[in-house]
Amino acid sequence: MAVLSEEQSMLRDSARTWVQEKSPVTAFRKMRDSNAPLGYDPAAFAEMAEMGWTGVIIPEAFGGSEFGYLGLGLILEETGRTLTASPLLSSALAAASAIILGGSEGQKSEYLPAIASGELVGTLAIDEGAHHAPEKVALAAKKSGSGYSLTGTKTFVLEGMAAGLFVVSARTSGKPGETDGISLFLVKADGKGVSRKALKLADSRGAANVTFDGAEGALLGEEGKGWPLLEKTLDRARAGLAAEMLGAAIQAFETTLDYLKVRVQFGQVIGSFQALQHRAAKMFTDLELSRSCVEAALQAIDDDSADVPELVSLAKAKMGDTLHLVSNEMVQMHGGIGMTDAHDAGLYLKRARAAEATYGGQAYHRDRYARINGY
């Protein structure tokens, strides 16, 4: 477990206070039941921006606080606890990372201050099929005047309906499956040739399928050499998502533990049954291991370590397994009430399944970890 600085501890504590007061699970439930068109509450996101959360990783020169990925991870962990839906991960982490890592000075000046202030929502438009496979890019980009013309479709784009800016992976050469020939582009959502179809994910959050029909794109980084930039960007998004998953898993565990201490069956508290104690102990140890993996990955990004890809895939795979287990156990140990929509258990289970699949599931990251280590 990472030893937090005083500033990091204060950031985490203030985030915890805010989400518990302003964005409890009841707020998420209300957003879901109202069929919010964007899949989140814009007023709550505006408050996050006011607190500076949207600028945590953005350099001070562009309106951010440059407080690092571990800092943003601590915030995401707290929002994960109450299932808070917001573009914090997609915009303030994923899209911002792509521009910080690959953008020209002009692109940084144009977009980063707007992302940091919460005025602009950015997101990654990467996948084209049902599963995460960032190298299987078929969307084509051709030179057109001073820019590029993009044609193709992206699926399951997180916050796709809310986004004002897409970071799009496209192919300038080669064929799907090859990493050479992939380029990244910035595409404005209100531009000509961009259309989107709203999706509702299993966990009620917002996403979209986005179609580009000759849409104008500005090159981000080098043409045909976008794969390393894409991988770096995705690793930052995966680590942030793992932090959010950690928060959800911890809250699901604590809620279940509280229930084990009060539910009486056969004349005694069910927490006194050894079989349930063993299952709770298994969850506890898995959560501690997962926290170490997640914080190590975030710290490695801040340190610009060479082993970021390895640590991120380890964190995402381990966190996926742990959240899968804890969300299942939450439903099972609550018994009949855990099966109803009146209880929060189902909300955590659905969030778990959606988060597991996002930016690569357990099988994807176990395979990637093995390849990195030469297995």
Protein backbone atom coordinates (compact mmCIF):
# COMPACT_ATOMS: atom_id res chain seq x y z
CA MET A 1 0.00 0.00 0.00
CA ALA A 2 1.31 3.43 -0.94
CA VAL A 3 2.21 5.81 1.86
CA LEU A 4 0.17 8.92 1.13
CA SER A 5 1.49 12.43 1.58
CA GLU A 6 -0.43 14.88 3.75
CA GLU A 7 -1.86 16.58 0.64
CA GLN A 8 -2.95 13.24 -0.86
CA SER A 9 -4.66 12.24 2.41
CA MET A 10 -6.47 15.58 2.52
CA LEU A 11 -7.58 15.18 -1.10
CA ARG A 12 -8.93 11.69 -0.40
CA ASP A 13 -10.75 12.81 2.76
CA SER A 14 -12.37 15.80 1.06
CA ALA A 15 -13.44 13.56 -1.85
CA ARG A 16 -14.94 11.06 0.61
CA THR A 17 -16.89 13.78 2.40
CA TRP A 18 -18.24 15.21 -0.85
CA VAL A 19 -19.39 11.91 -2.38
CA GLN A 20 -21.09 10.81 0.84
CA GLU A 21 -22.93 14.12 1.21
CA LYS A 22 -23.59 15.10 -2.41
CA SER A 23 -23.41 11.88 -4.39
CA PRO A 24 -24.52 8.86 -2.33
CA VAL A 25 -25.87 5.71 -4.02
CA THR A 26 -29.37 7.19 -3.70
CA ALA A 27 -28.27 9.95 -6.10
CA PHE A 28 -27.11 7.35 -8.62
CA ARG A 29 -30.41 5.49 -8.26
CA LYS A 30 -32.33 8.73 -8.84
CA MET A 31 -30.25 9.45 -11.95
CA ARG A 32 -30.94 5.94 -13.27
CA ASP A 33 -34.69 6.09 -12.59
CA SER A 34 -35.01 9.48 -14.29
CA ASN A 35 -33.41 8.08 -17.47
CA ALA A 36 -30.89 10.95 -17.50
CA PRO A 37 -29.97 11.40 -21.19
CA LEU A 38 -26.21 11.67 -20.53
CA GLY A 39 -25.99 8.89 -17.95
CA TYR A 40 -24.78 11.25 -15.22
CA ASP A 41 -25.83 14.41 -13.38
CA PRO A 42 -24.25 17.49 -15.06
CA ALA A 43 -24.76 19.61 -11.91
CA ALA A 44 -22.74 17.13 -9.81
CA PHE A 45 -20.00 17.06 -12.45
CA ALA A 46 -19.89 20.88 -12.43
CA GLU A 47 -19.28 20.73 -8.65
CA MET A 48 -16.42 18.27 -9.20
CA ALA A 49 -14.89 20.69 -11.69
CA GLU A 50 -15.22 23.57 -9.20
CA MET A 51 -13.29 21.51 -6.65
CA GLY A 52 -10.50 21.09 -9.21
CA TRP A 53 -10.97 17.35 -9.75
CA THR A 54 -11.11 17.72 -13.54
CA GLY A 55 -7.65 19.31 -13.56
CA VAL A 56 -5.73 16.98 -11.23
CA ILE A 57 -3.37 15.53 -13.88
CA ILE A 58 -3.34 18.60 -16.14
CA PRO A 59 -0.20 20.81 -15.98
CA GLU A 60 -0.52 24.12 -14.15
CA ALA A 61 0.31 26.01 -17.35
CA PHE A 62 -2.99 24.74 -18.80
CA GLY A 63 -5.24 25.36 -15.81
CA GLY A 64 -4.68 22.17 -13.84
CA SER A 65 -3.02 21.35 -10.52
CA GLU A 66 -0.59 18.65 -11.83
CA PHE A 67 -1.22 16.56 -8.73
CA GLY A 68 -0.57 13.21 -10.38
CA TYR A 69 -2.34 9.99 -11.27
CA LEU A 70 -2.28 8.61 -7.74
CA GLY A 71 -4.06 11.79 -6.64
CA LEU A 72 -6.79 11.35 -9.26
CA GLY A 73 -6.92 7.64 -8.42
CA LEU A 74 -7.76 8.47 -4.80
CA ILE A 75 -10.69 10.61 -5.99
CA LEU A 76 -11.90 7.90 -8.38
CA GLU A 77 -11.75 5.35 -5.56
CA GLU A 78 -14.11 7.49 -3.49
CA THR A 79 -16.51 8.07 -6.40
CA GLY A 80 -16.43 4.32 -7.00
CA ARG A 81 -17.66 3.69 -3.46
CA THR A 82 -20.99 5.40 -4.16
CA LEU A 83 -21.15 4.42 -7.87
CA THR A 84 -20.98 8.12 -8.80
CA ALA A 85 -21.44 8.43 -12.56
CA SER A 86 -19.42 11.22 -14.20
CA PRO A 87 -17.03 11.87 -17.12
CA LEU A 88 -14.11 12.17 -14.66
CA LEU A 89 -12.46 8.99 -15.96
CA SER A 90 -13.22 9.47 -19.67
CA SER A 91 -12.46 13.18 -19.86
CA ALA A 92 -10.23 14.37 -17.01
CA LEU A 93 -8.11 11.21 -17.13
CA ALA A 94 -8.27 9.37 -20.48
CA ALA A 95 -8.78 12.18 -23.02
CA ALA A 96 -6.60 14.60 -21.02
CA SER A 97 -3.78 12.01 -20.92
CA ALA A 98 -3.84 11.59 -24.70
CA ILE A 99 -3.50 15.35 -25.23
CA ILE A 100 -0.84 15.76 -22.49
CA LEU A 101 1.24 12.91 -23.94
CA GLY A 102 0.79 13.54 -27.65
CA GLY A 103 -0.62 16.99 -28.25
CA SER A 104 1.15 19.95 -29.82
CA GLU A 105 1.41 23.16 -27.80
CA GLY A 106 -1.52 24.53 -29.79
CA GLN A 107 -3.69 21.48 -29.10
CA LYS A 108 -2.82 21.56 -25.40
CA SER A 109 -3.66 25.27 -25.19
CA GLU A 110 -6.96 24.77 -27.01
CA TYR A 111 -8.31 21.76 -25.13
CA LEU A 112 -6.63 21.20 -21.74
CA PRO A 113 -7.90 24.38 -20.02
CA ALA A 114 -11.46 23.56 -21.16
CA ILE A 115 -11.16 19.98 -19.84
CA ALA A 116 -9.63 21.25 -16.58
CA SER A 117 -12.55 23.67 -16.05
CA GLY A 118 -15.13 20.99 -16.85
CA GLU A 119 -16.51 23.00 -19.79
CA LEU A 120 -15.36 20.40 -22.30
CA VAL A 121 -15.93 16.65 -21.99
CA GLY A 122 -13.46 14.57 -23.98
CA THR A 123 -13.43 10.80 -24.43
CA LEU A 124 -11.57 7.98 -26.20
CA ALA A 125 -13.20 6.42 -29.26
CA ILE A 126 -11.05 3.31 -29.68
CA ASP A 127 -12.91 0.01 -30.05
CA GLU A 128 -14.87 -1.13 -33.07
CA GLY A 129 -16.27 -4.49 -31.93
CA ALA A 130 -17.89 -6.11 -28.91
CA HIS A 131 -14.57 -6.67 -27.13
CA HIS A 132 -11.61 -4.45 -26.28
CA ALA A 133 -9.10 -4.87 -29.09
CA PRO A 134 -7.35 -1.54 -29.68
CA GLU A 135 -5.11 -2.86 -32.46
CA LYS A 136 -8.10 -4.01 -34.56
CA VAL A 137 -8.63 -0.59 -36.08
CA ALA A 138 -10.44 -0.46 -39.43
CA LEU A 139 -11.68 3.17 -39.29
CA ALA A 140 -9.79 4.89 -42.10
CA ALA A 141 -8.12 8.31 -42.12
CA LYS A 142 -7.11 9.95 -45.39
CA LYS A 143 -5.31 13.25 -45.94
CA SER A 144 -7.72 15.98 -46.89
CA GLY A 145 -6.54 19.56 -47.34
CA SER A 146 -4.65 20.62 -44.22
CA GLY A 147 -6.19 17.86 -42.09
CA TYR A 148 -7.57 14.36 -42.39
CA SER A 149 -10.93 12.84 -43.29
CA LEU A 150 -12.11 9.98 -41.02
CA THR A 151 -14.60 7.29 -42.02
CA GLY A 152 -15.79 4.37 -39.89
CA THR A 153 -17.59 3.51 -36.64
CA LYS A 154 -16.53 3.25 -32.98
CA THR A 155 -18.50 1.21 -30.45
CA PHE A 156 -19.19 1.59 -26.73
CA VAL A 157 -17.66 5.06 -26.50
CA LEU A 158 -17.90 6.03 -22.82
CA GLU A 159 -19.75 9.35 -22.29
CA GLY A 160 -20.24 9.33 -26.07
CA MET A 161 -23.38 11.48 -25.92
CA ALA A 162 -21.88 14.07 -23.56
CA ALA A 163 -18.50 14.44 -25.28
CA GLY A 164 -17.54 17.56 -27.17
CA LEU A 165 -14.24 16.05 -28.28
CA PHE A 166 -13.27 12.53 -29.39
CA VAL A 167 -9.77 11.08 -29.34
CA VAL A 168 -10.11 8.66 -32.25
CA SER A 169 -7.79 5.86 -33.31
CA ALA A 170 -7.72 5.47 -37.09
CA ARG A 171 -5.73 3.61 -39.69
CA THR A 172 -3.53 5.61 -42.06
CA SER A 173 -1.86 2.42 -43.37
CA GLY A 174 -1.71 -1.33 -42.76
CA LYS A 175 -4.64 -3.57 -41.91
CA PRO A 176 -6.71 -4.35 -38.75
CA GLY A 177 -4.65 -6.23 -36.18
CA GLU A 178 -1.38 -4.51 -37.08
CA THR A 179 -0.03 -1.90 -34.66
CA ASP A 180 1.90 -0.08 -37.40
CA GLY A 181 -0.19 2.43 -39.32
CA ILE A 182 -2.43 3.45 -36.41
CA SER A 183 -2.77 7.21 -35.89
CA LEU A 184 -4.67 9.23 -33.30
CA PHE A 185 -6.90 12.17 -34.14
CA LEU A 186 -8.87 14.83 -32.31
CA VAL A 187 -12.39 15.14 -33.71
CA LYS A 188 -14.92 17.72 -32.56
CA ALA A 189 -18.26 16.11 -31.76
CA ASP A 190 -20.30 18.85 -33.41
CA GLY A 191 -18.27 18.64 -36.62
CA LYS A 192 -19.66 17.65 -39.99
CA GLY A 193 -19.88 13.90 -40.59
CA VAL A 194 -20.10 12.90 -36.90
CA SER A 195 -23.24 11.08 -35.75
CA ARG A 196 -23.90 9.12 -32.57
CA LYS A 197 -26.41 6.61 -31.28
CA ALA A 198 -27.06 6.56 -27.52
CA LEU A 199 -26.46 3.34 -25.60
CA LYS A 200 -27.32 2.47 -22.01
CA LEU A 201 -24.79 0.16 -20.40
CA ALA A 202 -25.82 -2.56 -17.93
CA ASP A 203 -24.90 -0.22 -15.07
CA SER A 204 -27.10 2.61 -16.49
CA ARG A 205 -24.16 4.81 -17.41
CA GLY A 206 -23.98 6.64 -20.70
CA ALA A 207 -22.20 5.47 -23.84
CA ALA A 208 -22.65 5.73 -27.59
CA ASN A 209 -21.79 4.19 -30.91
CA VAL A 210 -20.18 6.97 -32.94
CA THR A 211 -20.08 7.03 -36.75
CA PHE A 212 -17.61 9.18 -38.67
CA ASP A 213 -18.52 9.85 -42.29
CA GLY A 214 -15.73 11.96 -43.76
CA ALA A 215 -15.36 13.77 -40.42
CA GLU A 216 -12.49 16.23 -40.10
CA GLY A 217 -9.73 15.14 -37.71
CA ALA A 218 -6.58 16.86 -36.42
CA LEU A 219 -3.56 14.56 -36.10
CA LEU A 220 -2.44 13.88 -32.52
CA GLY A 221 1.23 12.88 -32.44
CA GLU A 222 2.88 11.24 -35.48
CA GLU A 223 1.10 9.73 -38.45
CA GLY A 224 1.19 5.94 -38.50
CA LYS A 225 3.07 5.81 -35.18
CA GLY A 226 0.14 6.29 -32.81
CA TRP A 227 0.26 2.85 -31.19
CA PRO A 228 2.74 3.68 -28.37
CA LEU A 229 0.76 6.84 -27.56
CA LEU A 230 -2.51 4.87 -27.60
CA GLU A 231 -1.10 2.20 -25.28
CA LYS A 232 0.23 4.81 -22.85
CA THR A 233 -3.12 6.61 -22.84
CA LEU A 234 -5.11 3.40 -22.37
CA ASP A 235 -2.84 2.30 -19.50
CA ARG A 236 -3.61 5.53 -17.67
CA ALA A 237 -7.34 5.01 -18.24
CA ARG A 238 -7.12 1.39 -17.08
CA ALA A 239 -5.30 2.33 -13.87
CA GLY A 240 -7.89 5.03 -13.13
CA LEU A 241 -10.73 2.60 -13.77
CA ALA A 242 -9.06 0.03 -11.50
CA ALA A 243 -9.00 2.67 -8.73
CA GLU A 244 -12.72 3.29 -9.21
CA MET A 245 -13.37 -0.47 -9.15
CA LEU A 246 -11.39 -0.69 -5.90
CA GLY A 247 -13.75 1.84 -4.29
CA ALA A 248 -16.82 -0.09 -5.45
CA ALA A 249 -15.39 -3.38 -4.16
CA ILE A 250 -14.48 -1.92 -0.75
CA GLN A 251 -17.95 -0.44 -0.28
CA ALA A 252 -19.64 -3.68 -1.38
CA PHE A 253 -17.49 -5.60 1.11
CA GLU A 254 -18.13 -3.20 4.00
CA THR A 255 -21.89 -3.22 3.37
CA THR A 256 -21.87 -7.03 3.34
CA LEU A 257 -19.75 -7.20 6.48
CA ASP A 258 -22.18 -4.93 8.32
CA TYR A 259 -25.04 -7.21 7.27
CA LEU A 260 -23.23 -10.31 8.57
CA LYS A 261 -23.07 -8.65 11.99
CA VAL A 262 -26.81 -7.93 12.29
CA ARG A 263 -28.69 -10.61 10.32
CA VAL A 264 -29.99 -13.32 12.65
CA GLN A 265 -30.74 -16.83 11.39
CA PHE A 266 -31.22 -20.05 13.35
CA GLY A 267 -31.13 -18.00 16.53
CA GLN A 268 -27.70 -16.47 15.97
CA VAL A 269 -25.95 -13.75 13.95
CA ILE A 270 -24.93 -15.20 10.56
CA GLY A 271 -21.46 -13.68 10.92
CA SER A 272 -20.78 -16.33 13.57
CA PHE A 273 -20.97 -19.10 10.95
CA GLN A 274 -17.47 -20.25 10.09
CA ALA A 275 -18.22 -20.79 6.39
CA LEU A 276 -19.24 -17.16 6.00
CA GLN A 277 -16.24 -16.00 8.05
CA HIS A 278 -13.93 -17.84 5.63
CA ARG A 279 -15.61 -16.21 2.64
CA ALA A 280 -15.32 -12.77 4.24
CA ALA A 281 -11.64 -13.39 5.04
CA LYS A 282 -11.00 -14.36 1.41
CA MET A 283 -12.59 -11.09 0.22
CA PHE A 284 -10.58 -9.04 2.72
CA THR A 285 -7.23 -10.50 1.67
CA ASP A 286 -8.09 -10.12 -2.04
CA LEU A 287 -9.01 -6.47 -1.47
CA GLU A 288 -5.71 -5.75 0.30
CA LEU A 289 -3.77 -7.37 -2.56
CA SER A 290 -5.82 -5.46 -5.12
CA ARG A 291 -5.18 -2.13 -3.40
CA SER A 292 -1.43 -2.78 -3.54
CA CYS A 293 -1.66 -3.58 -7.27
CA VAL A 294 -3.77 -0.49 -8.09
CA GLU A 295 -1.65 1.97 -6.09
CA ALA A 296 1.58 0.49 -7.49
CA ALA A 297 0.28 1.01 -11.04
CA LEU A 298 -0.75 4.64 -10.37
CA GLN A 299 2.55 5.40 -8.65
CA ALA A 300 4.48 3.84 -11.55
CA ILE A 301 2.68 6.19 -13.97
CA ASP A 302 3.61 9.19 -11.80
CA ASP A 303 7.22 7.96 -11.68
CA ASP A 304 7.25 7.27 -15.45
CA SER A 305 8.56 3.76 -14.74
CA ALA A 306 9.40 1.30 -17.50
CA ASP A 307 7.09 -1.35 -16.01
CA VAL A 308 3.85 0.67 -16.29
CA PRO A 309 2.20 -1.71 -18.86
CA GLU A 310 2.98 -4.76 -16.72
CA LEU A 311 1.75 -3.18 -13.46
CA VAL A 312 -1.40 -1.77 -15.08
CA SER A 313 -2.42 -5.11 -16.60
CA LEU A 314 -1.74 -6.79 -13.24
CA ALA A 315 -3.92 -4.20 -11.47
CA LYS A 316 -6.80 -4.37 -13.96
CA ALA A 317 -6.87 -8.19 -14.02
CA LYS A 318 -6.59 -8.58 -10.24
CA MET A 319 -9.10 -5.82 -9.55
CA GLY A 320 -11.52 -7.35 -12.06
CA ASP A 321 -11.34 -10.74 -10.33
CA THR A 322 -11.77 -9.16 -6.89
CA LEU A 323 -14.72 -6.95 -7.81
CA HIS A 324 -16.36 -9.91 -9.58
CA LEU A 325 -16.04 -12.00 -6.41
CA VAL A 326 -17.12 -9.29 -3.95
CA SER A 327 -20.13 -8.18 -6.02
CA ASN A 328 -21.29 -11.82 -6.30
CA GLU A 329 -20.82 -12.40 -2.57
CA MET A 330 -22.69 -9.19 -1.76
CA VAL A 331 -25.78 -10.54 -3.55
CA GLN A 332 -25.42 -14.06 -2.13
CA MET A 333 -24.78 -13.12 1.49
CA HIS A 334 -27.72 -10.72 1.55
CA GLY A 335 -29.94 -13.59 0.46
CA GLY A 336 -33.40 -12.76 -0.92
CA ILE A 337 -33.15 -8.99 -0.40
CA GLY A 338 -29.89 -8.98 -2.37
CA MET A 339 -31.83 -10.19 -5.43
CA THR A 340 -34.23 -7.22 -5.38
CA ASP A 341 -33.83 -3.80 -6.95
CA ALA A 342 -34.76 -2.23 -3.61
CA HIS A 343 -31.30 -3.19 -2.32
CA ASP A 344 -28.04 -1.68 -3.63
CA ALA A 345 -26.36 -5.06 -4.18
CA GLY A 346 -27.63 -5.34 -7.75
CA LEU A 347 -26.30 -1.88 -8.60
CA TYR A 348 -22.78 -2.92 -7.50
CA LEU A 349 -23.06 -6.20 -9.43
CA LYS A 350 -24.03 -4.40 -12.65
CA ARG A 351 -21.30 -1.80 -12.19
CA ALA A 352 -18.80 -4.61 -11.66
CA ARG A 353 -19.68 -6.33 -14.92
CA ALA A 354 -19.55 -3.12 -16.98
CA ALA A 355 -16.24 -2.01 -15.42
CA GLU A 356 -14.66 -5.44 -15.87
CA ALA A 357 -15.26 -5.30 -19.64
CA THR A 358 -14.12 -1.69 -20.09
CA TYR A 359 -10.57 -1.13 -21.45
CA GLY A 360 -9.98 -4.91 -21.44
CA GLY A 361 -11.31 -7.66 -19.18
CA GLN A 362 -9.43 -10.10 -16.96
CA ALA A 363 -8.58 -12.51 -19.81
CA TYR A 364 -7.26 -9.63 -21.98
CA HIS A 365 -4.97 -8.35 -19.24
CA ARG A 366 -3.76 -11.77 -18.08
CA ASP A 367 -2.77 -12.48 -21.68
CA ARG A 368 -1.08 -9.08 -22.01
CA TYR A 369 0.77 -9.55 -18.70
CA ALA A 370 2.00 -12.95 -19.87
CA ARG A 371 3.20 -11.56 -23.21
CA ILE A 372 5.04 -8.66 -21.53
CA ASN A 373 6.82 -11.17 -19.31
CA GLY A 374 7.73 -13.49 -22.19
CA TYR A 375 5.47 -16.43 -21.35
